[in-house]
Amino acid sequence: MDVRTFWLAGRPATGDTELTVTNSHDGRVVGRHSVPTDAQVEEAVAAAHAVARQAAALPVHVRAEALAHVSRRIAERAEEIAQLITAENGKPILWARGETSRAVATFRFAAEEARRWSGGVQRLDTEPAATGRLAYVSRVPYGPVLAITPFNFPLNLVAHKVAPAIAVGAPVVIKPAPATPLSALLLGEILAETDLPPGMFSVLPIENERASALVQDPRLPVVSFTGSAPVGYAIADQIPRKHVTLELGGNAAAVVLADADLDWAAQRIALYSNYQAGQSCIAVQRVIVEQPVYDAFVDRLIPAVTGLVTGDPADEKTQVGPLVSEHAAERVEQWVQEAVAAGAKVLAGGTREGAVIAPTVLTDVPDDAKVVCEEVFGPVMILQPAASVNEAYAMVNDSKYGLQAGVFTRSLDAAFQANRELEVGGVIIGDVPSYRADQMPYGGVKDSGIGREGLHSAMEDLTYEKVMVLTGLTL
């Protein structure tokens, strides 16, 4: 089996050690990759720092065409990439193809935003003292970006860090998740086909414990991290003077009000509690149902959950595959068992086979159980009745997280009340909280993070406003 190179300042490179990536479903070896040495990591950071001014000055058409090229090439190699995602992540091919299509769109959106990215002007002669003065306001990148990415979307969440950085002219050093580095390395191969200058990107598949030095390196003034809240906030605490963006997940709630289409709600919630094996920051975890329709909704939900196809992620029909590792599945199983021991009832699932957790539905779960309070990151949902709309929304807010929430209702009043009252970064009306369009602002409040993804929003987050005042003009 060939050993994949990593990408050092835009060129392929090898270190002096290798790591193996395995499939969580059957344990087979998916690939091997070379690991950068400390000296090579230093070279990558030095190159990003050295090219920063050149990168910021790159003509817009160069950045935009590089991004468009990446979009086209991902589309051309879509099936190959999807198969790779499934192999290294365990994600069913159904969802891997969807992730690949989203990455195509993410780079396309970035190319379009790069062409629109421009400064603005402001007349200052609104006061006599500023007669003849005009302000030109532009946005300037803070500098090179350290992008630390998770395993659950090994291509598209890398894209959401790389694409806006290139769009604004910021070099980017990518540290992919150790469990799923191959998709990021393939993306590096495509980036190397562009006319971006050397040093504009590096892909460094290093162990997590080696990332601390990168986080603290002053030559990387921006750290963009997606992962768990404890790790994210530990990073932020280490570097109080850096610009940090954090996407830290949540325990997303779906609210089903009495006027909802119960069949639609049951089908969507069943699927999107369990898609990606629940390993999505916005997978449905808490299901809050208005009391008058609670029993009728449960009668629809359970058959929808038990009817999901679980098994081999390479099978075209599989909807729910394994977790990223057997260790991750054991942790989810333990949380379910803890909830049951505390009085919860299992309405579906609750079993484990290797890295696969059967789609699980729990009810009567104590409020302090981990499956309520924390992010399960597995195919588990809990059912909770609510006496009213107001109580349902209060239950959504009774969480330390606040990423997205879904509200199934036909009422505009209930929709706008949700938008006013729910303490989340996104409210999805008529669908699950798992909905995300890659161009829209995406991020959370409370322990769900700091900053926003979505191409335009991320581009703003990676830059600061700079003002040039022109004097002595006849306006």
Protein backbone atom coordinates (compact mmCIF):
# COMPACT_ATOMS: atom_id res chain seq x y z
CA MET A 1 0.00 0.00 0.00
CA ASP A 2 1.35 3.41 -0.99
CA VAL A 3 2.15 5.86 1.79
CA ARG A 4 0.48 9.22 1.26
CA THR A 5 2.64 12.30 1.47
CA PHE A 6 1.62 15.33 3.46
CA TRP A 7 1.71 18.89 2.09
CA LEU A 8 4.47 21.21 3.23
CA ALA A 9 4.20 24.79 1.97
CA GLY A 10 2.32 23.57 -1.09
CA ARG A 11 4.58 20.67 -2.03
CA PRO A 12 4.45 16.94 -1.19
CA ALA A 13 6.77 15.82 1.58
CA THR A 14 7.53 12.81 3.77
CA GLY A 15 8.72 12.57 7.36
CA ASP A 16 10.51 9.79 9.18
CA THR A 17 7.44 8.02 10.63
CA GLU A 18 4.12 6.71 9.32
CA LEU A 19 0.63 6.18 10.70
CA THR A 20 -2.12 3.78 9.62
CA VAL A 21 -5.79 4.68 9.12
CA THR A 22 -8.35 1.91 9.60
CA ASN A 23 -12.05 1.48 8.89
CA SER A 24 -14.20 1.44 12.04
CA HIS A 25 -16.71 -1.01 10.55
CA ASP A 26 -14.44 -3.92 9.69
CA GLY A 27 -11.00 -2.88 10.92
CA ARG A 28 -9.37 -3.06 7.50
CA VAL A 29 -6.46 -0.79 6.69
CA VAL A 30 -7.64 2.16 4.58
CA GLY A 31 -4.32 3.88 4.06
CA ARG A 32 -1.00 4.98 5.47
CA HIS A 33 0.41 8.46 5.60
CA SER A 34 3.71 10.06 6.42
CA VAL A 35 3.97 12.20 9.56
CA PRO A 36 5.85 15.52 9.59
CA THR A 37 8.89 15.91 11.81
CA ASP A 38 9.16 18.85 14.20
CA ALA A 39 11.56 20.51 11.76
CA GLN A 40 9.03 20.14 8.93
CA VAL A 41 6.24 21.61 11.06
CA GLU A 42 8.50 24.56 11.78
CA GLU A 43 9.19 24.93 8.06
CA ALA A 44 5.46 25.00 7.30
CA VAL A 45 4.80 27.73 9.87
CA ALA A 46 7.77 29.77 8.73
CA ALA A 47 6.57 29.53 5.12
CA ALA A 48 3.05 30.67 6.04
CA HIS A 49 4.48 33.61 7.97
CA ALA A 50 6.86 34.55 5.15
CA VAL A 51 4.16 34.52 2.45
CA ALA A 52 1.53 36.41 4.45
CA ARG A 53 2.07 39.82 2.81
CA GLN A 54 2.19 38.32 -0.67
CA ALA A 55 -0.95 36.33 0.06
CA ALA A 56 -2.88 39.38 1.24
CA ALA A 57 -1.85 41.24 -1.92
CA LEU A 58 -2.86 38.46 -4.33
CA PRO A 59 -5.22 39.77 -7.02
CA VAL A 60 -8.81 38.76 -6.43
CA HIS A 61 -8.96 36.83 -9.70
CA VAL A 62 -6.05 34.61 -8.60
CA ARG A 63 -7.75 33.69 -5.33
CA ALA A 64 -11.14 33.22 -6.97
CA GLU A 65 -9.82 31.03 -9.78
CA ALA A 66 -7.88 28.85 -7.33
CA LEU A 67 -11.07 28.29 -5.33
CA ALA A 68 -13.10 27.61 -8.46
CA HIS A 69 -10.49 25.09 -9.61
CA VAL A 70 -10.74 23.23 -6.31
CA SER A 71 -14.54 23.15 -6.64
CA ARG A 72 -14.34 21.75 -10.17
CA ARG A 73 -11.75 19.12 -9.27
CA ILE A 74 -13.72 17.87 -6.26
CA ALA A 75 -16.73 17.53 -8.55
CA GLU A 76 -14.66 15.59 -11.11
CA ARG A 77 -13.30 13.23 -8.44
CA ALA A 78 -16.52 13.12 -6.41
CA GLU A 79 -17.02 9.36 -6.25
CA GLU A 80 -13.37 8.68 -5.41
CA ILE A 81 -13.52 11.25 -2.61
CA ALA A 82 -16.83 9.95 -1.26
CA GLN A 83 -15.45 6.42 -1.12
CA LEU A 84 -12.41 7.72 0.77
CA ILE A 85 -14.59 9.54 3.31
CA THR A 86 -16.61 6.37 3.89
CA ALA A 87 -13.49 4.27 4.25
CA GLU A 88 -11.68 6.44 6.80
CA ASN A 89 -14.69 7.80 8.70
CA GLY A 90 -17.20 4.93 8.58
CA LYS A 91 -19.84 7.31 7.25
CA PRO A 92 -22.39 5.59 4.98
CA ILE A 93 -21.70 6.29 1.32
CA LEU A 94 -25.11 8.01 1.14
CA TRP A 95 -23.87 10.74 3.50
CA ALA A 96 -20.30 10.76 2.15
CA ARG A 97 -21.59 11.67 -1.30
CA GLY A 98 -23.62 14.44 0.28
CA GLU A 99 -20.56 15.77 2.07
CA THR A 100 -18.57 15.75 -1.16
CA SER A 101 -21.31 17.69 -2.96
CA ARG A 102 -21.34 20.22 -0.15
CA ALA A 103 -17.58 20.70 -0.45
CA VAL A 104 -18.02 21.42 -4.16
CA ALA A 105 -20.53 24.12 -3.22
CA THR A 106 -18.40 25.48 -0.35
CA PHE A 107 -15.45 26.21 -2.63
CA ARG A 108 -17.76 27.57 -5.33
CA PHE A 109 -19.41 29.93 -2.83
CA ALA A 110 -15.95 31.03 -1.67
CA ALA A 111 -14.89 31.81 -5.25
CA GLU A 112 -18.04 33.88 -5.72
CA GLU A 113 -17.57 35.72 -2.42
CA ALA A 114 -13.93 36.43 -3.25
CA ARG A 115 -14.99 38.22 -6.42
CA ARG A 116 -17.51 40.29 -4.45
CA TRP A 117 -15.07 41.00 -1.60
CA SER A 118 -14.33 44.70 -1.80
CA GLY A 119 -13.94 47.84 0.22
CA GLY A 120 -16.42 50.63 0.77
CA VAL A 121 -16.31 54.41 0.91
CA GLN A 122 -17.76 56.82 3.42
CA ARG A 123 -18.08 60.56 3.02
CA LEU A 124 -16.77 62.32 6.09
CA ASP A 125 -17.89 65.87 5.21
CA THR A 126 -21.05 65.48 7.23
CA GLU A 127 -19.26 67.83 9.66
CA PRO A 128 -17.56 71.10 8.63
CA ALA A 129 -14.20 70.01 10.05
CA ALA A 130 -14.08 67.06 7.62
CA THR A 131 -14.79 68.98 4.42
CA GLY A 132 -12.92 67.40 1.53
CA ARG A 133 -12.34 64.11 3.33
CA LEU A 134 -13.36 60.62 2.25
CA ALA A 135 -12.82 57.30 4.05
CA TYR A 136 -11.97 54.12 2.16
CA VAL A 137 -12.73 51.10 4.37
CA SER A 138 -11.18 47.75 3.49
CA ARG A 139 -10.81 44.42 5.29
CA VAL A 140 -7.35 42.99 5.91
CA PRO A 141 -6.49 39.42 7.02
CA TYR A 142 -5.11 39.10 10.54
CA GLY A 143 -2.51 36.75 9.11
CA PRO A 144 -1.90 33.01 8.75
CA VAL A 145 -4.62 30.71 10.06
CA LEU A 146 -4.17 27.52 12.05
CA ALA A 147 -7.14 25.31 11.14
CA ILE A 148 -7.80 22.39 13.50
CA THR A 149 -10.50 20.15 12.05
CA PRO A 150 -12.61 17.25 13.38
CA PHE A 151 -13.22 13.71 12.17
CA ASN A 152 -16.97 13.86 11.54
CA PHE A 153 -16.83 15.85 8.28
CA PRO A 154 -13.24 15.20 7.18
CA LEU A 155 -13.63 17.09 3.90
CA ASN A 156 -16.30 19.77 4.22
CA LEU A 157 -15.27 21.09 7.63
CA VAL A 158 -11.73 21.41 6.28
CA ALA A 159 -13.23 23.25 3.31
CA HIS A 160 -15.01 25.66 5.65
CA LYS A 161 -11.66 26.74 7.06
CA VAL A 162 -9.49 26.61 3.96
CA ALA A 163 -11.87 28.28 1.47
CA PRO A 164 -12.53 31.54 3.38
CA ALA A 165 -8.84 31.84 4.28
CA ILE A 166 -7.80 31.67 0.64
CA ALA A 167 -10.66 33.98 -0.33
CA VAL A 168 -9.36 36.78 1.91
CA GLY A 169 -5.68 36.11 1.16
CA ALA A 170 -4.62 34.37 4.38
CA PRO A 171 -2.19 31.42 4.41
CA VAL A 172 -3.58 28.37 6.20
CA VAL A 173 -1.93 25.53 8.11
CA ILE A 174 -4.32 22.58 8.40
CA LYS A 175 -4.14 20.04 11.21
CA PRO A 176 -6.71 17.35 10.37
CA ALA A 177 -8.14 14.90 12.89
CA PRO A 178 -5.76 11.94 13.42
CA ALA A 179 -8.58 9.46 12.77
CA THR A 180 -9.45 10.93 9.36
CA PRO A 181 -6.51 12.72 7.71
CA LEU A 182 -6.77 11.20 4.24
CA SER A 183 -9.53 13.46 2.90
CA ALA A 184 -7.57 16.55 3.93
CA LEU A 185 -4.43 15.16 2.29
CA LEU A 186 -6.38 14.59 -0.93
CA LEU A 187 -7.63 18.17 -0.73
CA GLY A 188 -4.01 19.27 -0.43
CA GLU A 189 -3.28 17.42 -3.66
CA ILE A 190 -5.97 19.44 -5.43
CA LEU A 191 -4.82 22.73 -3.88
CA ALA A 192 -1.32 22.01 -5.18
CA GLU A 193 -2.71 22.12 -8.73
CA THR A 194 -3.53 25.84 -8.37
CA ASP A 195 -1.38 28.92 -8.89
CA LEU A 196 -1.35 29.81 -5.20
CA PRO A 197 2.13 30.79 -4.00
CA PRO A 198 4.30 28.35 -2.03
CA GLY A 199 3.54 28.64 1.66
CA MET A 200 -0.12 29.47 1.09
CA PHE A 201 -1.18 26.11 2.53
CA SER A 202 0.20 23.13 4.43
CA VAL A 203 -1.58 19.96 5.54
CA LEU A 204 0.14 18.51 8.60
CA PRO A 205 -1.29 15.18 9.87
CA ILE A 206 0.26 15.26 13.33
CA GLU A 207 -0.87 13.79 16.63
CA ASN A 208 -3.14 15.94 18.80
CA GLU A 209 -0.55 16.34 21.55
CA ARG A 210 1.79 18.06 19.08
CA ALA A 211 -0.78 20.73 18.21
CA SER A 212 -0.15 22.79 21.34
CA ALA A 213 3.04 24.30 19.94
CA LEU A 214 1.18 25.34 16.80
CA VAL A 215 -1.62 26.88 18.84
CA GLN A 216 0.83 29.00 20.81
CA ASP A 217 3.05 30.00 17.88
CA PRO A 218 2.79 33.81 17.46
CA ARG A 219 3.29 33.48 13.68
CA LEU A 220 -0.18 31.95 13.46
CA PRO A 221 -2.34 34.82 14.81
CA VAL A 222 -5.66 33.11 14.04
CA VAL A 223 -6.74 29.74 15.43
CA SER A 224 -9.92 28.22 14.00
CA PHE A 225 -10.99 25.10 15.88
CA THR A 226 -13.94 22.72 15.48
CA GLY A 227 -14.38 20.06 18.12
CA SER A 228 -15.40 19.54 21.74
CA ALA A 229 -16.08 22.41 24.15
CA PRO A 230 -13.47 21.41 26.77
CA VAL A 231 -10.69 21.28 24.17
CA GLY A 232 -11.87 24.45 22.42
CA TYR A 233 -12.00 26.56 25.54
CA ALA A 234 -8.68 25.14 26.73
CA ILE A 235 -7.19 26.40 23.47
CA ALA A 236 -8.78 29.84 23.91
CA ASP A 237 -7.46 30.05 27.49
CA GLN A 238 -3.92 29.35 26.26
CA ILE A 239 -3.90 32.22 23.76
CA PRO A 240 -5.91 35.18 25.08
CA ARG A 241 -4.24 37.61 22.68
CA LYS A 242 -4.94 35.65 19.50
CA HIS A 243 -8.04 35.79 17.34
CA VAL A 244 -9.86 32.53 18.05
CA THR A 245 -12.95 31.05 16.39
CA LEU A 246 -14.56 28.01 17.98
CA GLU A 247 -17.33 25.70 16.76
CA LEU A 248 -17.96 23.46 19.73
CA GLY A 249 -21.13 21.51 19.10
CA GLY A 250 -24.24 21.11 21.22
CA ASN A 251 -27.17 18.90 22.14
CA ALA A 252 -29.61 20.11 19.52
CA ALA A 253 -33.32 20.21 20.27
CA ALA A 254 -36.24 19.63 17.92
CA VAL A 255 -39.56 21.02 19.12
CA VAL A 256 -42.79 19.47 17.84
CA LEU A 257 -45.78 21.74 18.48
CA ALA A 258 -49.39 20.63 18.46
CA ASP A 259 -50.10 22.07 15.00
CA ALA A 260 -47.13 20.31 13.33
CA ASP A 261 -47.29 17.78 10.51
CA LEU A 262 -46.49 14.79 12.73
CA ASP A 263 -45.63 12.39 9.91
CA TRP A 264 -43.09 14.81 8.44
CA ALA A 265 -41.65 15.62 11.87
CA ALA A 266 -41.29 11.94 12.79
CA GLN A 267 -39.53 11.04 9.54
CA ARG A 268 -37.12 13.97 9.70
CA ILE A 269 -36.31 13.57 13.38
CA ALA A 270 -35.78 9.80 13.06
CA LEU A 271 -33.36 10.25 10.18
CA TYR A 272 -31.47 13.27 11.47
CA SER A 273 -30.98 12.00 14.98
CA ASN A 274 -29.11 9.09 13.42
CA TYR A 275 -27.46 10.43 10.26
CA GLN A 276 -23.66 10.36 10.45
CA ALA A 277 -24.34 7.89 13.35
CA GLY A 278 -25.33 10.97 15.35
CA GLN A 279 -21.79 12.35 14.96
CA SER A 280 -22.89 15.81 13.93
CA CYS A 281 -22.91 18.94 16.07
CA ILE A 282 -26.52 19.52 15.02
CA ALA A 283 -27.85 15.96 15.03
CA VAL A 284 -31.19 15.82 16.85
CA GLN A 285 -30.58 14.85 20.48
CA ARG A 286 -33.46 16.32 22.49
CA VAL A 287 -37.01 15.99 21.13
CA ILE A 288 -39.53 18.20 22.95
CA VAL A 289 -43.16 17.48 22.06
CA GLU A 290 -46.20 19.50 23.05
CA GLN A 291 -48.33 17.34 25.34
CA PRO A 292 -51.57 17.09 23.26
CA VAL A 293 -49.74 15.32 20.40
CA TYR A 294 -47.05 13.50 22.40
CA ASP A 295 -48.52 9.99 22.19
CA ALA A 296 -49.49 10.35 18.52
CA PHE A 297 -45.99 11.58 17.69
CA VAL A 298 -44.28 8.72 19.54
CA ASP A 299 -46.46 6.23 17.66
CA ARG A 300 -45.05 7.64 14.40
CA LEU A 301 -41.48 8.15 15.56
CA ILE A 302 -40.60 4.68 16.83
CA PRO A 303 -41.42 2.83 13.55
CA ALA A 304 -39.48 5.50 11.65
CA VAL A 305 -36.44 4.93 13.87
CA THR A 306 -36.54 1.14 13.85
CA GLY A 307 -37.04 1.17 10.08
CA LEU A 308 -33.68 2.85 9.44
CA VAL A 309 -31.16 0.64 7.66
CA THR A 310 -28.11 0.07 9.86
CA GLY A 311 -24.92 -1.70 8.87
CA ASP A 312 -22.07 -1.65 6.37
CA PRO A 313 -21.31 1.97 5.40
CA ALA A 314 -20.24 0.86 1.93
CA ASP A 315 -23.74 -0.48 1.23
CA GLU A 316 -25.82 1.91 -0.87
CA LYS A 317 -28.88 1.30 1.33
CA THR A 318 -27.24 1.92 4.70
CA GLN A 319 -28.49 5.01 6.55
CA VAL A 320 -26.79 4.48 9.92
CA GLY A 321 -23.22 3.23 10.05
CA PRO A 322 -20.60 2.79 12.77
CA LEU A 323 -19.17 5.47 14.99
CA VAL A 324 -15.65 6.58 14.23
CA SER A 325 -14.24 3.93 16.60
CA GLU A 326 -15.32 1.16 18.93
CA HIS A 327 -14.05 3.26 21.83
CA ALA A 328 -16.48 6.05 20.85
CA ALA A 329 -19.33 3.53 20.66
CA GLU A 330 -18.47 2.12 24.08
CA ARG A 331 -18.68 5.62 25.56
CA VAL A 332 -22.15 6.21 24.03
CA GLU A 333 -23.31 2.78 25.26
CA GLN A 334 -22.13 3.65 28.77
CA TRP A 335 -24.08 6.94 28.76
CA VAL A 336 -27.24 5.10 27.70
CA GLN A 337 -26.75 2.51 30.42
CA GLU A 338 -26.23 5.25 33.02
CA ALA A 339 -29.51 6.89 31.97
CA VAL A 340 -31.38 3.57 32.17
CA ALA A 341 -29.93 2.86 35.59
CA ALA A 342 -31.27 6.25 36.69
CA GLY A 343 -34.81 5.43 35.51
CA ALA A 344 -34.88 6.07 31.75
CA LYS A 345 -36.90 3.77 29.51
CA VAL A 346 -35.62 2.45 26.17
CA LEU A 347 -38.24 2.72 23.41
CA ALA A 348 -35.85 1.65 20.64
CA GLY A 349 -32.27 0.52 20.28
CA GLY A 350 -29.96 0.74 23.24
CA THR A 351 -27.62 -1.99 21.99
CA ARG A 352 -24.09 -2.02 20.57
CA GLU A 353 -22.29 -4.32 18.15
CA GLY A 354 -18.67 -3.33 17.70
CA ALA A 355 -18.60 0.32 16.67
CA VAL A 356 -22.31 0.33 15.73
CA ILE A 357 -24.91 1.69 18.15
CA ALA A 358 -28.49 0.80 17.21
CA PRO A 359 -30.61 3.96 16.74
CA THR A 360 -31.78 4.65 20.27
CA VAL A 361 -34.81 6.44 21.72
CA LEU A 362 -35.08 7.12 25.45
CA THR A 363 -37.87 8.57 27.56
CA ASP A 364 -38.31 9.45 31.24
CA VAL A 365 -34.65 10.48 31.32
CA PRO A 366 -33.51 12.38 34.43
CA ASP A 367 -32.59 15.99 33.71
CA ASP A 368 -29.05 15.52 35.00
CA ALA A 369 -28.24 12.49 32.83
CA LYS A 370 -25.33 12.95 30.41
CA VAL A 371 -27.56 12.11 27.44
CA VAL A 372 -29.57 15.24 28.32
CA CYS A 373 -26.88 17.66 29.49
CA GLU A 374 -23.91 16.81 27.29
CA GLU A 375 -23.34 16.22 23.59
CA VAL A 376 -23.90 12.50 22.98
CA PHE A 377 -22.30 12.49 19.51
CA GLY A 378 -24.00 9.19 18.79
CA PRO A 379 -27.35 7.90 17.47
CA VAL A 380 -29.33 8.62 20.63
CA MET A 381 -32.35 10.86 21.19
CA ILE A 382 -34.43 11.59 24.26
CA LEU A 383 -38.15 12.39 24.29
CA GLN A 384 -39.57 15.06 26.58
CA PRO A 385 -43.21 16.26 26.79
CA ALA A 386 -43.98 19.97 27.22
CA ALA A 387 -47.23 21.43 28.54
CA SER A 388 -47.11 24.51 26.28
CA VAL A 389 -45.14 26.41 23.67
CA ASN A 390 -43.60 28.55 26.38
CA GLU A 391 -42.49 25.51 28.34
CA ALA A 392 -41.08 23.86 25.22
CA TYR A 393 -38.93 26.89 24.42
CA ALA A 394 -37.78 27.16 28.03
CA MET A 395 -36.69 23.50 27.86
CA VAL A 396 -34.65 24.21 24.72
CA ASN A 397 -32.88 27.02 26.55
CA ASP A 398 -32.21 24.85 29.61
CA SER A 399 -28.85 23.81 28.21
CA LYS A 400 -25.31 25.07 28.35
CA TYR A 401 -25.21 24.74 24.56
CA GLY A 402 -26.87 26.88 21.92
CA LEU A 403 -25.97 25.93 18.35
CA GLN A 404 -29.22 25.36 16.41
CA ALA A 405 -32.79 24.31 17.18
CA GLY A 406 -35.61 23.05 14.97
CA VAL A 407 -39.29 23.92 15.48
CA PHE A 408 -42.04 21.99 13.72
CA THR A 409 -45.03 24.32 13.50
CA ARG A 410 -47.38 25.93 10.98
CA SER A 411 -47.80 29.04 13.13
CA LEU A 412 -45.98 32.23 12.16
CA ASP A 413 -46.48 33.53 15.68
CA ALA A 414 -44.78 30.44 17.14
CA ALA A 415 -41.99 30.75 14.57
CA PHE A 416 -41.23 34.37 15.40
CA GLN A 417 -41.52 33.64 19.13
CA ALA A 418 -38.90 30.92 18.65
CA ASN A 419 -36.63 33.36 16.85
CA ARG A 420 -37.03 35.89 19.68
CA GLU A 421 -36.65 33.53 22.60
CA LEU A 422 -34.44 30.57 21.70
CA GLU A 423 -30.85 31.04 22.81
CA VAL A 424 -29.21 29.50 19.75
CA GLY A 425 -27.27 30.62 16.70
CA GLY A 426 -29.85 29.27 14.24
CA VAL A 427 -33.58 28.49 14.36
CA ILE A 428 -34.91 26.14 11.67
CA ILE A 429 -38.67 26.37 11.26
CA GLY A 430 -40.49 23.33 9.88
CA ASP A 431 -37.45 21.09 9.93
CA VAL A 432 -34.73 19.58 12.12
CA PRO A 433 -31.87 21.62 13.64
CA SER A 434 -29.55 19.53 11.46
CA TYR A 435 -30.29 21.68 8.40
CA ARG A 436 -27.35 23.75 7.23
CA ALA A 437 -26.76 25.61 3.99
CA ASP A 438 -23.04 26.11 3.54
CA GLN A 439 -23.34 29.78 2.57
CA MET A 440 -25.43 30.81 5.59
CA PRO A 441 -23.97 32.09 8.90
CA TYR A 442 -23.41 29.08 11.15
CA GLY A 443 -22.32 29.04 14.75
CA GLY A 444 -23.59 29.12 18.29
CA VAL A 445 -23.84 30.86 21.62
CA LYS A 446 -23.07 29.81 25.19
CA ASP A 447 -20.78 26.75 25.18
CA SER A 448 -21.39 26.13 21.47
CA GLY A 449 -18.61 28.47 20.48
CA ILE A 450 -17.36 31.83 19.25
CA GLY A 451 -17.60 33.23 15.73
CA ARG A 452 -19.42 32.13 12.59
CA GLU A 453 -18.78 29.87 9.62
CA GLY A 454 -20.51 30.28 6.26
CA LEU A 455 -18.30 31.83 3.61
CA HIS A 456 -19.01 35.55 3.91
CA SER A 457 -19.30 35.36 7.70
CA ALA A 458 -16.04 33.44 8.02
CA MET A 459 -14.25 35.87 5.69
CA GLU A 460 -15.29 38.72 7.95
CA ASP A 461 -14.15 36.73 10.97
CA LEU A 462 -10.66 36.25 9.52
CA THR A 463 -10.16 39.96 8.78
CA TYR A 464 -10.27 43.37 10.43
CA GLU A 465 -11.45 46.74 9.12
CA LYS A 466 -8.78 49.19 7.98
CA VAL A 467 -9.57 52.82 7.21
CA MET A 468 -7.72 55.11 4.81
CA VAL A 469 -8.78 58.77 4.91
CA LEU A 470 -8.23 60.85 1.79
CA THR A 471 -7.84 64.59 2.35
CA GLY A 472 -8.26 67.69 0.20
CA LEU A 473 -10.83 66.21 -2.18
CA THR A 474 -13.55 68.08 -4.03
CA LEU A 475 -16.57 65.89 -3.45
